[in-house]
PDB file of N, CA and C in Angstrom:
ATOM      1  N   UNK A   1     -50.572  -3.005 -65.683  1.00  0.00           N
ATOM      2  CA  UNK A   1     -50.454  -4.158 -64.768  1.00  0.00           C
ATOM      3  C   UNK A   1     -49.443  -5.156 -65.396  1.00  0.00           C
ATOM      4  N   UNK A   2     -48.415  -5.554 -64.608  1.00  0.00           N
ATOM      5  CA  UNK A   2     -47.431  -6.521 -65.109  1.00  0.00           C
ATOM      6  C   UNK A   2     -47.918  -7.898 -64.790  1.00  0.00           C
ATOM      7  N   UNK A   3     -47.218  -8.866 -65.306  1.00  0.00           N
ATOM      8  CA  UNK A   3     -47.580 -10.285 -65.059  1.00  0.00           C
ATOM      9  C   UNK A   3     -47.490 -10.575 -63.544  1.00  0.00           C
ATOM     10  N   UNK A   4     -46.518  -9.922 -62.880  1.00  0.00           N
ATOM     11  CA  UNK A   4     -46.362 -10.120 -61.410  1.00  0.00           C
ATOM     12  C   UNK A   4     -47.558  -9.602 -60.637  1.00  0.00           C
ATOM     13  N   UNK A   5     -48.288  -8.670 -61.202  1.00  0.00           N
ATOM     14  CA  UNK A   5     -49.401  -8.077 -60.530  1.00  0.00           C
ATOM     15  C   UNK A   5     -50.682  -8.864 -60.763  1.00  0.00           C
ATOM     16  N   UNK A   6     -50.642  -9.859 -61.620  1.00  0.00           N
ATOM     17  CA  UNK A   6     -51.859 -10.642 -61.907  1.00  0.00           C
ATOM     18  C   UNK A   6     -52.337 -11.335 -60.612  1.00  0.00           C
ATOM     19  N   UNK A   7     -53.647 -11.297 -60.422  1.00  0.00           N
ATOM     20  CA  UNK A   7     -54.243 -11.969 -59.283  1.00  0.00           C
ATOM     21  C   UNK A   7     -55.351 -12.877 -59.803  1.00  0.00           C
ATOM     22  N   UNK A   8     -55.473 -14.029 -59.136  1.00  0.00           N
ATOM     23  CA  UNK A   8     -56.437 -15.049 -59.562  1.00  0.00           C
ATOM     24  C   UNK A   8     -57.275 -15.483 -58.363  1.00  0.00           C
ATOM     25  N   UNK A   9     -58.592 -15.484 -58.596  1.00  0.00           N
ATOM     26  CA  UNK A   9     -59.492 -16.020 -57.593  1.00  0.00           C
ATOM     27  C   UNK A   9     -59.308 -17.546 -57.618  1.00  0.00           C
ATOM     28  N   UNK A  10     -59.753 -18.217 -56.575  1.00  0.00           N
ATOM     29  CA  UNK A  10     -59.480 -19.651 -56.449  1.00  0.00           C
ATOM     30  C   UNK A  10     -60.053 -20.434 -57.650  1.00  0.00           C
ATOM     31  N   UNK A  11     -61.189 -20.053 -58.158  1.00  0.00           N
ATOM     32  CA  UNK A  11     -61.749 -20.767 -59.293  1.00  0.00           C
ATOM     33  C   UNK A  11     -60.875 -20.607 -60.572  1.00  0.00           C
ATOM     34  N   UNK A  12     -60.368 -19.403 -60.724  1.00  0.00           N
ATOM     35  CA  UNK A  12     -59.481 -19.112 -61.851  1.00  0.00           C
ATOM     36  C   UNK A  12     -58.177 -19.871 -61.725  1.00  0.00           C
ATOM     37  N   UNK A  13     -57.598 -19.879 -60.518  1.00  0.00           N
ATOM     38  CA  UNK A  13     -56.374 -20.596 -60.270  1.00  0.00           C
ATOM     39  C   UNK A  13     -56.535 -22.095 -60.488  1.00  0.00           C
ATOM     40  N   UNK A  14     -57.642 -22.637 -59.983  1.00  0.00           N
ATOM     41  CA  UNK A  14     -57.893 -24.078 -60.151  1.00  0.00           C
ATOM     42  C   UNK A  14     -58.015 -24.414 -61.634  1.00  0.00           C
ATOM     43  N   UNK A  15     -58.733 -23.588 -62.379  1.00  0.00           N
ATOM     44  CA  UNK A  15     -58.948 -23.848 -63.790  1.00  0.00           C
ATOM     45  C   UNK A  15     -57.586 -23.794 -64.571  1.00  0.00           C
ATOM     46  N   UNK A  16     -56.783 -22.795 -64.247  1.00  0.00           N
ATOM     47  CA  UNK A  16     -55.479 -22.652 -64.947  1.00  0.00           C
ATOM     48  C   UNK A  16     -54.590 -23.815 -64.645  1.00  0.00           C
ATOM     49  N   UNK A  17     -54.622 -24.367 -63.417  1.00  0.00           N
ATOM     50  CA  UNK A  17     -53.773 -25.449 -63.019  1.00  0.00           C
ATOM     51  C   UNK A  17     -54.335 -26.830 -63.304  1.00  0.00           C
ATOM     52  N   UNK A  18     -55.607 -26.875 -63.661  1.00  0.00           N
ATOM     53  CA  UNK A  18     -56.246 -28.163 -63.881  1.00  0.00           C
ATOM     54  C   UNK A  18     -56.419 -28.937 -62.555  1.00  0.00           C
ATOM     55  N   UNK A  19     -56.737 -28.169 -61.510  1.00  0.00           N
ATOM     56  CA  UNK A  19     -56.903 -28.764 -60.162  1.00  0.00           C
ATOM     57  C   UNK A  19     -58.274 -28.359 -59.631  1.00  0.00           C
ATOM     58  N   UNK A  20     -58.728 -29.123 -58.669  1.00  0.00           N
ATOM     59  CA  UNK A  20     -60.006 -28.806 -57.999  1.00  0.00           C
ATOM     60  C   UNK A  20     -59.758 -27.709 -56.933  1.00  0.00           C
ATOM     61  N   UNK A  21     -60.681 -26.758 -56.802  1.00  0.00           N
ATOM     62  CA  UNK A  21     -60.491 -25.731 -55.756  1.00  0.00           C
ATOM     63  C   UNK A  21     -60.302 -26.284 -54.350  1.00  0.00           C
ATOM     64  N   UNK A  22     -60.909 -27.418 -54.072  1.00  0.00           N
ATOM     65  CA  UNK A  22     -60.740 -28.046 -52.751  1.00  0.00           C
ATOM     66  C   UNK A  22     -59.251 -28.460 -52.536  1.00  0.00           C
ATOM     67  N   UNK A  23     -58.584 -28.873 -53.594  1.00  0.00           N
ATOM     68  CA  UNK A  23     -57.164 -29.213 -53.506  1.00  0.00           C
ATOM     69  C   UNK A  23     -56.366 -27.967 -53.112  1.00  0.00           C
ATOM     70  N   UNK A  24     -56.692 -26.820 -53.699  1.00  0.00           N
ATOM     71  CA  UNK A  24     -56.022 -25.596 -53.352  1.00  0.00           C
ATOM     72  C   UNK A  24     -56.255 -25.228 -51.903  1.00  0.00           C
ATOM     73  N   UNK A  25     -57.496 -25.439 -51.407  1.00  0.00           N
ATOM     74  CA  UNK A  25     -57.789 -25.172 -50.021  1.00  0.00           C
ATOM     75  C   UNK A  25     -56.956 -26.069 -49.097  1.00  0.00           C
ATOM     76  N   UNK A  26     -56.838 -27.372 -49.493  1.00  0.00           N
ATOM     77  CA  UNK A  26     -56.061 -28.297 -48.727  1.00  0.00           C
ATOM     78  C   UNK A  26     -54.615 -27.881 -48.640  1.00  0.00           C
ATOM     79  N   UNK A  27     -54.054 -27.469 -49.791  1.00  0.00           N
ATOM     80  CA  UNK A  27     -52.646 -27.019 -49.789  1.00  0.00           C
ATOM     81  C   UNK A  27     -52.443 -25.835 -48.913  1.00  0.00           C
ATOM     82  N   UNK A  28     -53.458 -24.944 -48.857  1.00  0.00           N
ATOM     83  CA  UNK A  28     -53.393 -23.800 -47.975  1.00  0.00           C
ATOM     84  C   UNK A  28     -53.392 -24.235 -46.486  1.00  0.00           C
ATOM     85  N   UNK A  29     -54.304 -25.162 -46.185  1.00  0.00           N
ATOM     86  CA  UNK A  29     -54.379 -25.684 -44.799  1.00  0.00           C
ATOM     87  C   UNK A  29     -53.043 -26.300 -44.329  1.00  0.00           C
ATOM     88  N   UNK A  30     -52.389 -26.981 -45.280  1.00  0.00           N
ATOM     89  CA  UNK A  30     -51.072 -27.629 -44.971  1.00  0.00           C
ATOM     90  C   UNK A  30     -49.946 -26.632 -44.986  1.00  0.00           C
ATOM     91  N   UNK A  31     -50.184 -25.398 -45.370  1.00  0.00           N
ATOM     92  CA  UNK A  31     -49.124 -24.358 -45.382  1.00  0.00           C
ATOM     93  C   UNK A  31     -48.205 -24.393 -46.602  1.00  0.00           C
ATOM     94  N   UNK A  32     -48.658 -25.095 -47.651  1.00  0.00           N
ATOM     95  CA  UNK A  32     -47.828 -25.161 -48.876  1.00  0.00           C
ATOM     96  C   UNK A  32     -47.934 -23.855 -49.666  1.00  0.00           C
ATOM     97  N   UNK A  33     -49.083 -23.204 -49.570  1.00  0.00           N
ATOM     98  CA  UNK A  33     -49.256 -21.853 -50.221  1.00  0.00           C
ATOM     99  C   UNK A  33     -49.991 -20.958 -49.220  1.00  0.00           C
ATOM    100  N   UNK A  34     -49.869 -19.669 -49.418  1.00  0.00           N
ATOM    101  CA  UNK A  34     -50.522 -18.752 -48.569  1.00  0.00           C
ATOM    102  C   UNK A  34     -51.151 -17.633 -49.407  1.00  0.00           C
ATOM    103  N   UNK A  35     -52.316 -17.925 -49.991  1.00  0.00           N
ATOM    104  CA  UNK A  35     -52.954 -16.863 -50.773  1.00  0.00           C
ATOM    105  C   UNK A  35     -53.393 -15.701 -49.929  1.00  0.00           C
ATOM    106  N   UNK A  36     -53.399 -14.508 -50.580  1.00  0.00           N
ATOM    107  CA  UNK A  36     -53.879 -13.311 -49.901  1.00  0.00           C
ATOM    108  C   UNK A  36     -55.385 -13.416 -49.763  1.00  0.00           C
ATOM    109  N   UNK A  37     -55.930 -12.813 -48.748  1.00  0.00           N
ATOM    110  CA  UNK A  37     -57.368 -12.779 -48.563  1.00  0.00           C
ATOM    111  C   UNK A  37     -57.843 -11.333 -48.803  1.00  0.00           C
ATOM    112  N   UNK A  38     -58.978 -11.226 -49.502  1.00  0.00           N
ATOM    113  CA  UNK A  38     -59.593  -9.926 -49.675  1.00  0.00           C
ATOM    114  C   UNK A  38     -60.352  -9.577 -48.413  1.00  0.00           C
ATOM    115  N   UNK A  39     -60.907  -8.391 -48.374  1.00  0.00           N
ATOM    116  CA  UNK A  39     -61.684  -7.969 -47.201  1.00  0.00           C
ATOM    117  C   UNK A  39     -62.823  -8.963 -46.945  1.00  0.00           C
ATOM    118  N   UNK A  40     -63.421  -9.467 -47.955  1.00  0.00           N
ATOM    119  CA  UNK A  40     -64.462 -10.441 -47.817  1.00  0.00           C
ATOM    120  C   UNK A  40     -64.003 -11.885 -47.622  1.00  0.00           C
ATOM    121  N   UNK A  41     -62.692 -12.022 -47.341  1.00  0.00           N
ATOM    122  CA  UNK A  41     -62.055 -13.320 -47.055  1.00  0.00           C
ATOM    123  C   UNK A  41     -62.002 -14.245 -48.252  1.00  0.00           C
ATOM    124  N   UNK A  42     -62.015 -13.684 -49.447  1.00  0.00           N
ATOM    125  CA  UNK A  42     -61.926 -14.453 -50.677  1.00  0.00           C
ATOM    126  C   UNK A  42     -60.429 -14.678 -50.970  1.00  0.00           C
ATOM    127  N   UNK A  43     -60.039 -15.912 -51.278  1.00  0.00           N
ATOM    128  CA  UNK A  43     -58.649 -16.223 -51.605  1.00  0.00           C
ATOM    129  C   UNK A  43     -58.254 -15.616 -52.954  1.00  0.00           C
ATOM    130  N   UNK A  44     -57.071 -15.010 -52.965  1.00  0.00           N
ATOM    131  CA  UNK A  44     -56.549 -14.415 -54.202  1.00  0.00           C
ATOM    132  C   UNK A  44     -55.081 -14.887 -54.334  1.00  0.00           C
ATOM    133  N   UNK A  45     -54.797 -15.513 -55.495  1.00  0.00           N
ATOM    134  CA  UNK A  45     -53.480 -16.071 -55.738  1.00  0.00           C
ATOM    135  C   UNK A  45     -52.698 -15.152 -56.666  1.00  0.00           C
ATOM    136  N   UNK A  46     -51.425 -14.924 -56.354  1.00  0.00           N
ATOM    137  CA  UNK A  46     -50.541 -14.135 -57.185  1.00  0.00           C
ATOM    138  C   UNK A  46     -49.923 -15.083 -58.252  1.00  0.00           C
ATOM    139  N   UNK A  47     -49.291 -14.489 -59.251  1.00  0.00           N
ATOM    140  CA  UNK A  47     -48.609 -15.289 -60.268  1.00  0.00           C
ATOM    141  C   UNK A  47     -47.520 -16.161 -59.617  1.00  0.00           C
ATOM    142  N   UNK A  48     -46.783 -15.702 -58.652  1.00  0.00           N
ATOM    143  CA  UNK A  48     -45.744 -16.528 -57.988  1.00  0.00           C
ATOM    144  C   UNK A  48     -46.374 -17.707 -57.245  1.00  0.00           C
ATOM    145  N   UNK A  49     -47.544 -17.496 -56.651  1.00  0.00           N
ATOM    146  CA  UNK A  49     -48.239 -18.597 -55.993  1.00  0.00           C
ATOM    147  C   UNK A  49     -48.741 -19.638 -57.006  1.00  0.00           C
ATOM    148  N   UNK A  50     -49.231 -19.148 -58.144  1.00  0.00           N
ATOM    149  CA  UNK A  50     -49.641 -20.066 -59.216  1.00  0.00           C
ATOM    150  C   UNK A  50     -48.406 -20.912 -59.659  1.00  0.00           C
ATOM    151  N   UNK A  51     -47.263 -20.268 -59.829  1.00  0.00           N
ATOM    152  CA  UNK A  51     -46.054 -20.982 -60.195  1.00  0.00           C
ATOM    153  C   UNK A  51     -45.662 -21.996 -59.142  1.00  0.00           C
ATOM    154  N   UNK A  52     -45.788 -21.645 -57.860  1.00  0.00           N
ATOM    155  CA  UNK A  52     -45.477 -22.581 -56.755  1.00  0.00           C
ATOM    156  C   UNK A  52     -46.451 -23.759 -56.799  1.00  0.00           C
ATOM    157  N   UNK A  53     -47.726 -23.482 -57.026  1.00  0.00           N
ATOM    158  CA  UNK A  53     -48.716 -24.545 -57.135  1.00  0.00           C
ATOM    159  C   UNK A  53     -48.430 -25.481 -58.326  1.00  0.00           C
ATOM    160  N   UNK A  54     -47.908 -24.902 -59.379  1.00  0.00           N
ATOM    161  CA  UNK A  54     -47.537 -25.736 -60.565  1.00  0.00           C
ATOM    162  C   UNK A  54     -46.372 -26.686 -60.186  1.00  0.00           C
ATOM    163  N   UNK A  55     -45.465 -26.196 -59.414  1.00  0.00           N
ATOM    164  CA  UNK A  55     -44.347 -27.026 -58.934  1.00  0.00           C
ATOM    165  C   UNK A  55     -44.885 -28.119 -58.015  1.00  0.00           C
ATOM    166  N   UNK A  56     -45.768 -27.777 -57.120  1.00  0.00           N
ATOM    167  CA  UNK A  56     -46.375 -28.749 -56.199  1.00  0.00           C
ATOM    168  C   UNK A  56     -47.084 -29.816 -57.003  1.00  0.00           C
ATOM    169  N   UNK A  57     -47.887 -29.373 -57.983  1.00  0.00           N
ATOM    170  CA  UNK A  57     -48.593 -30.374 -58.798  1.00  0.00           C
ATOM    171  C   UNK A  57     -47.637 -31.301 -59.519  1.00  0.00           C
ATOM    172  N   UNK A  58     -46.563 -30.773 -60.059  1.00  0.00           N
ATOM    173  CA  UNK A  58     -45.552 -31.620 -60.722  1.00  0.00           C
ATOM    174  C   UNK A  58     -44.955 -32.640 -59.740  1.00  0.00           C
ATOM    175  N   UNK A  59     -44.568 -32.142 -58.522  1.00  0.00           N
ATOM    176  CA  UNK A  59     -43.944 -33.055 -57.600  1.00  0.00           C
ATOM    177  C   UNK A  59     -44.908 -34.193 -57.170  1.00  0.00           C
ATOM    178  N   UNK A  60     -46.187 -33.850 -57.019  1.00  0.00           N
ATOM    179  CA  UNK A  60     -47.151 -34.851 -56.628  1.00  0.00           C
ATOM    180  C   UNK A  60     -47.542 -35.751 -57.765  1.00  0.00           C
ATOM    181  N   UNK A  61     -47.910 -35.196 -58.920  1.00  0.00           N
ATOM    182  CA  UNK A  61     -48.428 -35.965 -60.012  1.00  0.00           C
ATOM    183  C   UNK A  61     -47.379 -36.666 -60.827  1.00  0.00           C
ATOM    184  N   UNK A  62     -46.261 -35.980 -61.136  1.00  0.00           N
ATOM    185  CA  UNK A  62     -45.237 -36.545 -61.987  1.00  0.00           C
ATOM    186  C   UNK A  62     -44.143 -37.275 -61.236  1.00  0.00           C
ATOM    187  N   UNK A  63     -43.733 -36.739 -60.096  1.00  0.00           N
ATOM    188  CA  UNK A  63     -42.633 -37.322 -59.358  1.00  0.00           C
ATOM    189  C   UNK A  63     -43.126 -38.312 -58.302  1.00  0.00           C
ATOM    190  N   UNK A  64     -44.436 -38.280 -58.009  1.00  0.00           N
ATOM    191  CA  UNK A  64     -45.000 -39.237 -57.044  1.00  0.00           C
ATOM    192  C   UNK A  64     -44.630 -38.949 -55.566  1.00  0.00           C
ATOM    193  N   UNK A  65     -44.331 -37.723 -55.276  1.00  0.00           N
ATOM    194  CA  UNK A  65     -43.925 -37.347 -53.896  1.00  0.00           C
ATOM    195  C   UNK A  65     -45.165 -37.017 -53.073  1.00  0.00           C
ATOM    196  N   UNK A  66     -45.209 -37.513 -51.850  1.00  0.00           N
ATOM    197  CA  UNK A  66     -46.355 -37.195 -51.000  1.00  0.00           C
ATOM    198  C   UNK A  66     -46.211 -35.734 -50.483  1.00  0.00           C
ATOM    199  N   UNK A  67     -47.288 -35.249 -49.860  1.00  0.00           N
ATOM    200  CA  UNK A  67     -47.328 -33.842 -49.507  1.00  0.00           C
ATOM    201  C   UNK A  67     -46.316 -33.510 -48.406  1.00  0.00           C
ATOM    202  N   UNK A  68     -46.020 -34.440 -47.495  1.00  0.00           N
ATOM    203  CA  UNK A  68     -44.977 -34.201 -46.505  1.00  0.00           C
ATOM    204  C   UNK A  68     -43.625 -34.043 -47.187  1.00  0.00           C
ATOM    205  N   UNK A  69     -43.333 -34.865 -48.174  1.00  0.00           N
ATOM    206  CA  UNK A  69     -42.103 -34.722 -48.933  1.00  0.00           C
ATOM    207  C   UNK A  69     -42.041 -33.422 -49.732  1.00  0.00           C
ATOM    208  N   UNK A  70     -43.209 -33.035 -50.278  1.00  0.00           N
ATOM    209  CA  UNK A  70     -43.313 -31.785 -51.039  1.00  0.00           C
ATOM    210  C   UNK A  70     -42.958 -30.607 -50.085  1.00  0.00           C
ATOM    211  N   UNK A  71     -43.509 -30.663 -48.877  1.00  0.00           N
ATOM    212  CA  UNK A  71     -43.233 -29.572 -47.919  1.00  0.00           C
ATOM    213  C   UNK A  71     -41.734 -29.505 -47.620  1.00  0.00           C
ATOM    214  N   UNK A  72     -41.086 -30.657 -47.440  1.00  0.00           N
ATOM    215  CA  UNK A  72     -39.634 -30.663 -47.170  1.00  0.00           C
ATOM    216  C   UNK A  72     -38.862 -30.108 -48.346  1.00  0.00           C
ATOM    217  N   UNK A  73     -39.224 -30.519 -49.573  1.00  0.00           N
ATOM    218  CA  UNK A  73     -38.516 -30.033 -50.755  1.00  0.00           C
ATOM    219  C   UNK A  73     -38.731 -28.500 -50.910  1.00  0.00           C
ATOM    220  N   UNK A  74     -39.929 -28.017 -50.644  1.00  0.00           N
ATOM    221  CA  UNK A  74     -40.153 -26.575 -50.772  1.00  0.00           C
ATOM    222  C   UNK A  74     -39.360 -25.820 -49.695  1.00  0.00           C
ATOM    223  N   UNK A  75     -39.262 -26.395 -48.468  1.00  0.00           N
ATOM    224  CA  UNK A  75     -38.462 -25.737 -47.433  1.00  0.00           C
ATOM    225  C   UNK A  75     -36.990 -25.677 -47.847  1.00  0.00           C
ATOM    226  N   UNK A  76     -36.513 -26.759 -48.439  1.00  0.00           N
ATOM    227  CA  UNK A  76     -35.122 -26.762 -48.918  1.00  0.00           C
ATOM    228  C   UNK A  76     -34.927 -25.734 -50.034  1.00  0.00           C
ATOM    229  N   UNK A  77     -35.866 -25.679 -50.966  1.00  0.00           N
ATOM    230  CA  UNK A  77     -35.789 -24.732 -52.074  1.00  0.00           C
ATOM    231  C   UNK A  77     -35.799 -23.300 -51.514  1.00  0.00           C
ATOM    232  N   UNK A  78     -36.620 -23.033 -50.531  1.00  0.00           N
ATOM    233  CA  UNK A  78     -36.672 -21.695 -49.917  1.00  0.00           C
ATOM    234  C   UNK A  78     -35.331 -21.363 -49.253  1.00  0.00           C
ATOM    235  N   UNK A  79     -34.737 -22.350 -48.560  1.00  0.00           N
ATOM    236  CA  UNK A  79     -33.448 -22.113 -47.919  1.00  0.00           C
ATOM    237  C   UNK A  79     -32.375 -21.824 -48.968  1.00  0.00           C
ATOM    238  N   UNK A  80     -32.373 -22.586 -50.031  1.00  0.00           N
ATOM    239  CA  UNK A  80     -31.381 -22.372 -51.110  1.00  0.00           C
ATOM    240  C   UNK A  80     -31.591 -20.948 -51.730  1.00  0.00           C
ATOM    241  N   UNK A  81     -32.826 -20.551 -51.869  1.00  0.00           N
ATOM    242  CA  UNK A  81     -33.085 -19.199 -52.415  1.00  0.00           C
ATOM    243  C   UNK A  81     -32.589 -18.112 -51.475  1.00  0.00           C
ATOM    244  N   UNK A  82     -32.669 -18.365 -50.181  1.00  0.00           N
ATOM    245  CA  UNK A  82     -32.109 -17.377 -49.219  1.00  0.00           C
ATOM    246  C   UNK A  82     -30.600 -17.362 -49.257  1.00  0.00           C
ATOM    247  N   UNK A  83     -29.986 -18.543 -49.547  1.00  0.00           N
ATOM    248  CA  UNK A  83     -28.522 -18.602 -49.568  1.00  0.00           C
ATOM    249  C   UNK A  83     -27.899 -18.052 -50.862  1.00  0.00           C
ATOM    250  N   UNK A  84     -28.632 -18.149 -51.936  1.00  0.00           N
ATOM    251  CA  UNK A  84     -28.071 -17.739 -53.257  1.00  0.00           C
ATOM    252  C   UNK A  84     -27.425 -16.351 -53.206  1.00  0.00           C
ATOM    253  N   UNK A  85     -28.079 -15.321 -52.695  1.00  0.00           N
ATOM    254  CA  UNK A  85     -27.444 -14.035 -52.705  1.00  0.00           C
ATOM    255  C   UNK A  85     -26.226 -13.948 -51.747  1.00  0.00           C
ATOM    256  N   UNK A  86     -26.127 -14.865 -50.847  1.00  0.00           N
ATOM    257  CA  UNK A  86     -25.068 -14.835 -49.876  1.00  0.00           C
ATOM    258  C   UNK A  86     -23.744 -15.407 -50.396  1.00  0.00           C
ATOM    259  N   UNK A  87     -23.772 -16.056 -51.565  1.00  0.00           N
ATOM    260  CA  UNK A  87     -22.556 -16.672 -52.055  1.00  0.00           C
ATOM    261  C   UNK A  87     -21.833 -15.785 -53.089  1.00  0.00           C
ATOM    262  N   UNK A  88     -22.248 -14.573 -53.228  1.00  0.00           N
ATOM    263  CA  UNK A  88     -21.502 -13.694 -54.146  1.00  0.00           C
ATOM    264  C   UNK A  88     -20.151 -13.368 -53.496  1.00  0.00           C
ATOM    265  N   UNK A  89     -19.193 -13.056 -54.334  1.00  0.00           N
ATOM    266  CA  UNK A  89     -17.852 -12.734 -53.846  1.00  0.00           C
ATOM    267  C   UNK A  89     -17.885 -11.570 -52.868  1.00  0.00           C
ATOM    268  N   UNK A  90     -18.726 -10.587 -53.231  1.00  0.00           N
ATOM    269  CA  UNK A  90     -18.802  -9.406 -52.353  1.00  0.00           C
ATOM    270  C   UNK A  90     -19.353  -9.765 -50.986  1.00  0.00           C
ATOM    271  N   UNK A  91     -20.432 -10.543 -50.958  1.00  0.00           N
ATOM    272  CA  UNK A  91     -21.039 -10.898 -49.690  1.00  0.00           C
ATOM    273  C   UNK A  91     -20.157 -11.791 -48.856  1.00  0.00           C
ATOM    274  N   UNK A  92     -19.547 -12.775 -49.479  1.00  0.00           N
ATOM    275  CA  UNK A  92     -18.659 -13.692 -48.772  1.00  0.00           C
ATOM    276  C   UNK A  92     -17.430 -13.005 -48.225  1.00  0.00           C
ATOM    277  N   UNK A  93     -17.047 -11.887 -48.808  1.00  0.00           N
ATOM    278  CA  UNK A  93     -15.899 -11.108 -48.323  1.00  0.00           C
ATOM    279  C   UNK A  93     -16.159 -10.420 -47.029  1.00  0.00           C
ATOM    280  N   UNK A  94     -17.406 -10.307 -46.623  1.00  0.00           N
ATOM    281  CA  UNK A  94     -17.783  -9.650 -45.373  1.00  0.00           C
ATOM    282  C   UNK A  94     -18.018 -10.720 -44.309  1.00  0.00           C
ATOM    283  N   UNK A  95     -17.573 -10.455 -43.100  1.00  0.00           N
ATOM    284  CA  UNK A  95     -17.747 -11.402 -42.001  1.00  0.00           C
ATOM    285  C   UNK A  95     -19.241 -11.706 -41.753  1.00  0.00           C
ATOM    286  N   UNK A  96     -20.071 -10.670 -41.779  1.00  0.00           N
ATOM    287  CA  UNK A  96     -21.497 -10.888 -41.560  1.00  0.00           C
ATOM    288  C   UNK A  96     -22.088 -11.781 -42.608  1.00  0.00           C
ATOM    289  N   UNK A  97     -21.642 -11.664 -43.863  1.00  0.00           N
ATOM    290  CA  UNK A  97     -22.156 -12.520 -44.922  1.00  0.00           C
ATOM    291  C   UNK A  97     -21.832 -13.974 -44.705  1.00  0.00           C
ATOM    292  N   UNK A  98     -20.596 -14.204 -44.230  1.00  0.00           N
ATOM    293  CA  UNK A  98     -20.165 -15.592 -43.988  1.00  0.00           C
ATOM    294  C   UNK A  98     -20.944 -16.192 -42.808  1.00  0.00           C
ATOM    295  N   UNK A  99     -21.216 -15.382 -41.826  1.00  0.00           N
ATOM    296  CA  UNK A  99     -22.031 -15.858 -40.646  1.00  0.00           C
ATOM    297  C   UNK A  99     -23.439 -16.161 -41.079  1.00  0.00           C
ATOM    298  N   UNK A 100     -24.046 -15.307 -41.899  1.00  0.00           N
ATOM    299  CA  UNK A 100     -25.403 -15.569 -42.343  1.00  0.00           C
ATOM    300  C   UNK A 100     -25.466 -16.833 -43.181  1.00  0.00           C
ATOM    301  N   UNK A 101     -24.491 -17.018 -44.062  1.00  0.00           N
ATOM    302  CA  UNK A 101     -24.440 -18.231 -44.868  1.00  0.00           C
ATOM    303  C   UNK A 101     -24.301 -19.449 -44.011  1.00  0.00           C
ATOM    304  N   UNK A 102     -23.440 -19.374 -43.001  1.00  0.00           N
ATOM    305  CA  UNK A 102     -23.237 -20.498 -42.095  1.00  0.00           C
ATOM    306  C   UNK A 102     -24.537 -20.836 -41.344  1.00  0.00           C
ATOM    307  N   UNK A 103     -25.242 -19.782 -40.914  1.00  0.00           N
ATOM    308  CA  UNK A 103     -26.530 -20.034 -40.232  1.00  0.00           C
ATOM    309  C   UNK A 103     -27.553 -20.692 -41.139  1.00  0.00           C
ATOM    310  N   UNK A 104     -27.600 -20.202 -42.381  1.00  0.00           N
ATOM    311  CA  UNK A 104     -28.528 -20.795 -43.366  1.00  0.00           C
ATOM    312  C   UNK A 104     -28.141 -22.280 -43.655  1.00  0.00           C
ATOM    313  N   UNK A 105     -26.887 -22.543 -43.761  1.00  0.00           N
ATOM    314  CA  UNK A 105     -26.442 -23.946 -43.984  1.00  0.00           C
ATOM    315  C   UNK A 105     -26.801 -24.811 -42.808  1.00  0.00           C
ATOM    316  N   UNK A 106     -26.583 -24.294 -41.599  1.00  0.00           N
ATOM    317  CA  UNK A 106     -26.957 -25.025 -40.363  1.00  0.00           C
ATOM    318  C   UNK A 106     -28.451 -25.308 -40.342  1.00  0.00           C
ATOM    319  N   UNK A 107     -29.224 -24.306 -40.699  1.00  0.00           N
ATOM    320  CA  UNK A 107     -30.695 -24.442 -40.748  1.00  0.00           C
ATOM    321  C   UNK A 107     -31.088 -25.487 -41.792  1.00  0.00           C
ATOM    322  N   UNK A 108     -30.481 -25.456 -42.907  1.00  0.00           N
ATOM    323  CA  UNK A 108     -30.764 -26.443 -43.955  1.00  0.00           C
ATOM    324  C   UNK A 108     -30.415 -27.870 -43.491  1.00  0.00           C
ATOM    325  N   UNK A 109     -29.288 -28.020 -42.871  1.00  0.00           N
ATOM    326  CA  UNK A 109     -28.882 -29.322 -42.388  1.00  0.00           C
ATOM    327  C   UNK A 109     -29.865 -29.829 -41.304  1.00  0.00           C
ATOM    328  N   UNK A 110     -30.303 -28.946 -40.429  1.00  0.00           N
ATOM    329  CA  UNK A 110     -31.289 -29.313 -39.420  1.00  0.00           C
ATOM    330  C   UNK A 110     -32.586 -29.714 -40.025  1.00  0.00           C
ATOM    331  N   UNK A 111     -33.041 -29.001 -41.087  1.00  0.00           N
ATOM    332  CA  UNK A 111     -34.301 -29.350 -41.762  1.00  0.00           C
ATOM    333  C   UNK A 111     -34.200 -30.745 -42.334  1.00  0.00           C
ATOM    334  N   UNK A 112     -33.013 -31.111 -42.803  1.00  0.00           N
ATOM    335  CA  UNK A 112     -32.790 -32.419 -43.437  1.00  0.00           C
ATOM    336  C   UNK A 112     -32.507 -33.510 -42.393  1.00  0.00           C
ATOM    337  N   UNK A 113     -32.387 -33.079 -41.121  1.00  0.00           N
ATOM    338  CA  UNK A 113     -32.107 -34.062 -40.090  1.00  0.00           C
ATOM    339  C   UNK A 113     -30.680 -34.549 -40.124  1.00  0.00           C
ATOM    340  N   UNK A 114     -29.792 -33.706 -40.597  1.00  0.00           N
ATOM    341  CA  UNK A 114     -28.349 -34.100 -40.740  1.00  0.00           C
ATOM    342  C   UNK A 114     -27.482 -33.324 -39.754  1.00  0.00           C
TER     343      UNK A 114
END
């Protein structure tokens, strides 16, 4: 099992993050994270979701950003992550790559209200 394969029940995730399980449930309701559910409907968090929760905690606790702002920042970060592979010389050399990048940039600008 690699670190990427690690799974955490909500109590384990909350303990590792120093957060209350109810906070994790709230973040799920708001769509900030999407833990997998077992057959018995138990929340299971992957290592990448734990890392995302750590970022959320930092933005809320250290940077003082409210949850609506956190959602916006995460949306922007997701858009940038989708654009990153599109800016390679090889991808930009193809017409389809330029169109995809332009669509992602348009989407990003719309998210930002610009």
